Amino acid sequence: MSTPTFLFIGFPGSGKSTAAKMCAALACVKHGETSDIVYEVLAKRLGLSVERLRKIPKEQIRPALIDVGDELCWVNPAALSYFHWSNGCRVISGIRRPEELHALCDVMDAAKQRYVIVWVSRPGCVKPDKDNTEVTPDDADRIIVNDGEPSALWKKLERFVDQQARSSKPSLPFSQNTTAHSCPH
């Protein structure tokens, strides 16, 4: 039995990056955040360090981040997530569009790599007006509710990762995987 690749999706502010980092720690695997690549490219273009760029409030640079992400994914919608997956990351967060998700899942299906798509939901967290997130809970295999307490999220993820590590059930090809399920919490 092997640990699957975990793909974390959700609206900004839901805690998907936090959940993904926790999941990577629990599963003892590498984590990749698609926005890290976008920040690196934008920082280079602006002549800033990534650290300095990350200190700018995200709302002030969101349009530029979206433009860079769109440009990087223009030829290959899964370019950002595929980079992380092909470099050994087995937890990936920041996938925002269905075509990006589908393209990566198609690659993993072809490689017979088991994966689980996890939507992180947080009560009161909704899609911001200027955000480009197009994936929805319907795109996920599992939904994890982040109530804002890190210790509670850790416990939910601990059970979830353990359950996935013990499962030998292969992923359905993405085209057949259309039902969202709730993770016990």
Protein backbone atom coordinates (compact mmCIF):
# COMPACT_ATOMS: atom_id res chain seq x y z
CA MET A 1 0.00 0.00 0.00
CA SER A 2 1.35 3.39 -0.91
CA THR A 3 0.47 6.89 0.04
CA PRO A 4 -1.36 8.67 -2.78
CA THR A 5 -0.63 12.11 -4.12
CA PHE A 6 -2.84 14.62 -2.32
CA LEU A 7 -4.15 17.59 -4.30
CA PHE A 8 -5.51 20.35 -2.07
CA ILE A 9 -7.99 22.82 -3.54
CA GLY A 10 -10.26 25.47 -2.06
CA PHE A 11 -10.97 29.18 -1.90
CA PRO A 12 -8.30 31.62 -0.71
CA GLY A 13 -8.32 31.80 3.07
CA SER A 14 -9.84 28.34 3.54
CA GLY A 15 -6.60 26.94 4.93
CA LYS A 16 -5.70 24.70 1.99
CA SER A 17 -1.99 25.59 2.14
CA THR A 18 -1.93 25.01 5.90
CA ALA A 19 -3.77 21.71 5.47
CA ALA A 20 -1.41 20.69 2.67
CA LYS A 21 1.67 21.42 4.81
CA MET A 22 0.18 19.42 7.68
CA CYS A 23 -0.67 16.56 5.33
CA ALA A 24 2.89 16.51 3.96
CA ALA A 25 4.29 16.38 7.49
CA LEU A 26 1.93 13.57 8.47
CA ALA A 27 2.62 11.53 5.33
CA CYS A 28 6.38 12.31 5.40
CA VAL A 29 6.34 13.52 1.79
CA LYS A 30 7.28 16.70 -0.06
CA HIS A 31 4.78 19.55 -0.50
CA GLY A 32 4.62 21.89 -3.49
CA GLU A 33 2.59 25.10 -3.65
CA THR A 34 1.82 26.31 -7.19
CA SER A 35 1.93 29.94 -6.11
CA ASP A 36 5.60 29.54 -5.09
CA ILE A 37 6.51 29.32 -8.77
CA VAL A 38 4.32 32.31 -9.65
CA TYR A 39 5.91 34.39 -6.87
CA GLU A 40 9.42 33.45 -8.08
CA VAL A 41 8.66 34.53 -11.65
CA LEU A 42 6.93 37.77 -10.63
CA ALA A 43 9.70 38.66 -8.15
CA LYS A 44 12.31 38.19 -10.85
CA ARG A 45 10.35 40.37 -13.28
CA LEU A 46 9.96 43.12 -10.67
CA GLY A 47 13.58 42.91 -9.52
CA LEU A 48 12.55 41.95 -5.99
CA SER A 49 13.36 39.05 -3.73
CA VAL A 50 10.56 36.55 -3.21
CA GLU A 51 10.64 37.40 0.50
CA ARG A 52 10.08 41.09 -0.22
CA LEU A 53 7.31 40.37 -2.73
CA ARG A 54 5.53 38.14 -0.19
CA LYS A 55 5.49 41.07 2.28
CA ILE A 56 3.27 43.04 -0.11
CA PRO A 57 -0.41 42.43 0.73
CA LYS A 58 -1.70 39.80 -1.66
CA GLU A 59 -4.70 41.91 -2.64
CA GLN A 60 -2.33 44.58 -4.03
CA ILE A 61 -0.54 42.12 -6.32
CA ARG A 62 -3.28 39.55 -7.02
CA PRO A 63 -3.91 40.76 -10.62
CA ALA A 64 -0.18 40.45 -11.43
CA LEU A 65 -0.02 37.02 -9.80
CA ILE A 66 -3.02 35.87 -11.84
CA ASP A 67 -1.48 37.20 -15.06
CA VAL A 68 1.81 35.38 -14.42
CA GLY A 69 0.00 32.15 -13.51
CA ASP A 70 -2.13 32.39 -16.65
CA GLU A 71 0.96 32.98 -18.77
CA LEU A 72 2.82 30.03 -17.25
CA CYS A 73 -0.16 27.71 -17.84
CA TRP A 74 -1.07 28.97 -21.30
CA VAL A 75 0.56 26.13 -23.24
CA ASN A 76 0.19 23.46 -20.56
CA PRO A 77 -2.62 24.03 -18.05
CA ALA A 78 -0.89 21.71 -15.55
CA ALA A 79 2.55 23.32 -15.87
CA LEU A 80 2.73 24.54 -12.26
CA SER A 81 1.29 21.45 -10.57
CA TYR A 82 3.12 19.07 -12.93
CA PHE A 83 6.44 20.73 -12.06
CA HIS A 84 5.90 19.88 -8.41
CA TRP A 85 4.60 16.36 -9.09
CA SER A 86 7.48 15.53 -11.45
CA ASN A 87 9.92 16.76 -8.79
CA GLY A 88 8.62 14.32 -6.20
CA CYS A 89 6.01 16.39 -4.38
CA ARG A 90 3.19 14.14 -3.23
CA VAL A 91 1.15 16.95 -1.70
CA ILE A 92 0.30 19.79 -4.07
CA SER A 93 -1.79 22.84 -3.28
CA GLY A 94 -2.91 25.88 -5.20
CA ILE A 95 -4.59 24.30 -8.23
CA ARG A 96 -7.26 26.83 -9.21
CA ARG A 97 -8.77 25.76 -12.52
CA PRO A 98 -10.55 22.58 -13.62
CA GLU A 99 -8.39 22.28 -16.76
CA GLU A 100 -5.25 22.36 -14.60
CA LEU A 101 -6.69 19.71 -12.30
CA HIS A 102 -7.85 17.52 -15.20
CA ALA A 103 -4.51 17.75 -17.01
CA LEU A 104 -2.52 16.73 -13.92
CA CYS A 105 -4.95 13.92 -13.10
CA ASP A 106 -4.66 12.63 -16.68
CA VAL A 107 -0.86 12.44 -16.27
CA MET A 108 -1.19 10.65 -12.93
CA ASP A 109 -3.80 8.26 -14.38
CA ALA A 110 -1.39 7.40 -17.20
CA ALA A 111 1.38 6.83 -14.63
CA LYS A 112 -1.01 4.74 -12.50
CA GLN A 113 -0.33 7.12 -9.59
CA ARG A 114 -3.04 7.03 -6.95
CA TYR A 115 -4.32 10.48 -5.94
CA VAL A 116 -6.97 12.11 -3.81
CA ILE A 117 -8.41 15.56 -4.48
CA VAL A 118 -9.22 17.34 -1.24
CA TRP A 119 -11.41 20.45 -0.98
CA VAL A 120 -10.68 22.47 2.14
CA SER A 121 -13.74 24.32 3.35
CA ARG A 122 -13.83 26.92 6.08
CA PRO A 123 -17.10 28.26 7.48
CA GLY A 124 -17.64 31.81 6.22
CA CYS A 125 -14.89 31.56 3.60
CA VAL A 126 -16.20 32.47 0.15
CA LYS A 127 -14.56 33.18 -3.17
CA PRO A 128 -13.22 36.76 -3.30
CA ASP A 129 -14.44 38.89 -6.22
CA LYS A 130 -10.98 39.29 -7.77
CA ASP A 131 -9.90 35.67 -7.44
CA ASN A 132 -9.47 33.21 -10.30
CA THR A 133 -10.37 30.01 -8.42
CA GLU A 134 -12.70 28.02 -10.65
CA VAL A 135 -12.49 24.59 -9.01
CA THR A 136 -15.39 23.74 -6.71
CA PRO A 137 -16.17 21.15 -4.05
CA ASP A 138 -17.69 19.05 -6.84
CA ASP A 139 -14.17 18.56 -8.23
CA ALA A 140 -13.00 16.90 -5.01
CA ASP A 141 -12.99 13.32 -3.76
CA ARG A 142 -13.05 14.45 -0.15
CA ILE A 143 -14.02 17.57 1.77
CA ILE A 144 -12.20 18.56 4.93
CA VAL A 145 -13.77 21.29 7.04
CA ASN A 146 -11.26 23.65 8.61
CA ASP A 147 -12.97 25.25 11.58
CA GLY A 148 -9.94 27.46 12.24
CA GLU A 149 -8.38 25.47 15.06
CA PRO A 150 -4.99 24.08 13.92
CA SER A 151 -5.10 21.21 16.43
CA ALA A 152 -8.54 20.12 15.18
CA LEU A 153 -7.40 20.34 11.55
CA TRP A 154 -4.29 18.30 12.40
CA LYS A 155 -6.44 15.54 13.97
CA LYS A 156 -8.76 15.41 10.95
CA LEU A 157 -5.81 15.20 8.60
CA GLU A 158 -4.08 12.59 10.75
CA ARG A 159 -7.10 10.28 10.46
CA PHE A 160 -7.47 11.06 6.77
CA VAL A 161 -3.81 10.42 5.88
CA ASP A 162 -3.80 7.19 7.89
CA GLN A 163 -6.97 6.06 6.12
CA GLN A 164 -5.47 6.84 2.71
CA ALA A 165 -2.14 5.17 3.49
CA ARG A 166 -3.95 1.95 4.46
CA SER A 167 -6.16 1.96 1.36
CA SER A 168 -5.06 -0.06 -1.62
CA LYS A 169 -8.02 1.17 -3.65
CA PRO A 170 -6.74 2.78 -6.86
CA SER A 171 -7.99 6.19 -7.91
CA LEU A 172 -10.72 6.24 -10.47
CA PRO A 173 -9.67 7.99 -13.65
CA PHE A 174 -10.57 11.64 -13.16
CA SER A 175 -13.27 11.50 -15.83
CA GLN A 176 -15.09 8.85 -13.74
CA ASN A 177 -14.41 10.48 -10.38
CA THR A 178 -17.27 12.93 -10.02
CA THR A 179 -18.74 12.36 -6.57
CA ALA A 180 -17.54 14.42 -3.63
CA HIS A 181 -17.35 12.55 -0.35
CA SER A 182 -17.03 13.89 3.14
CA CYS A 183 -14.02 12.98 5.21
CA PRO A 184 -15.02 11.91 8.71
CA HIS A 185 -14.41 14.68 11.23
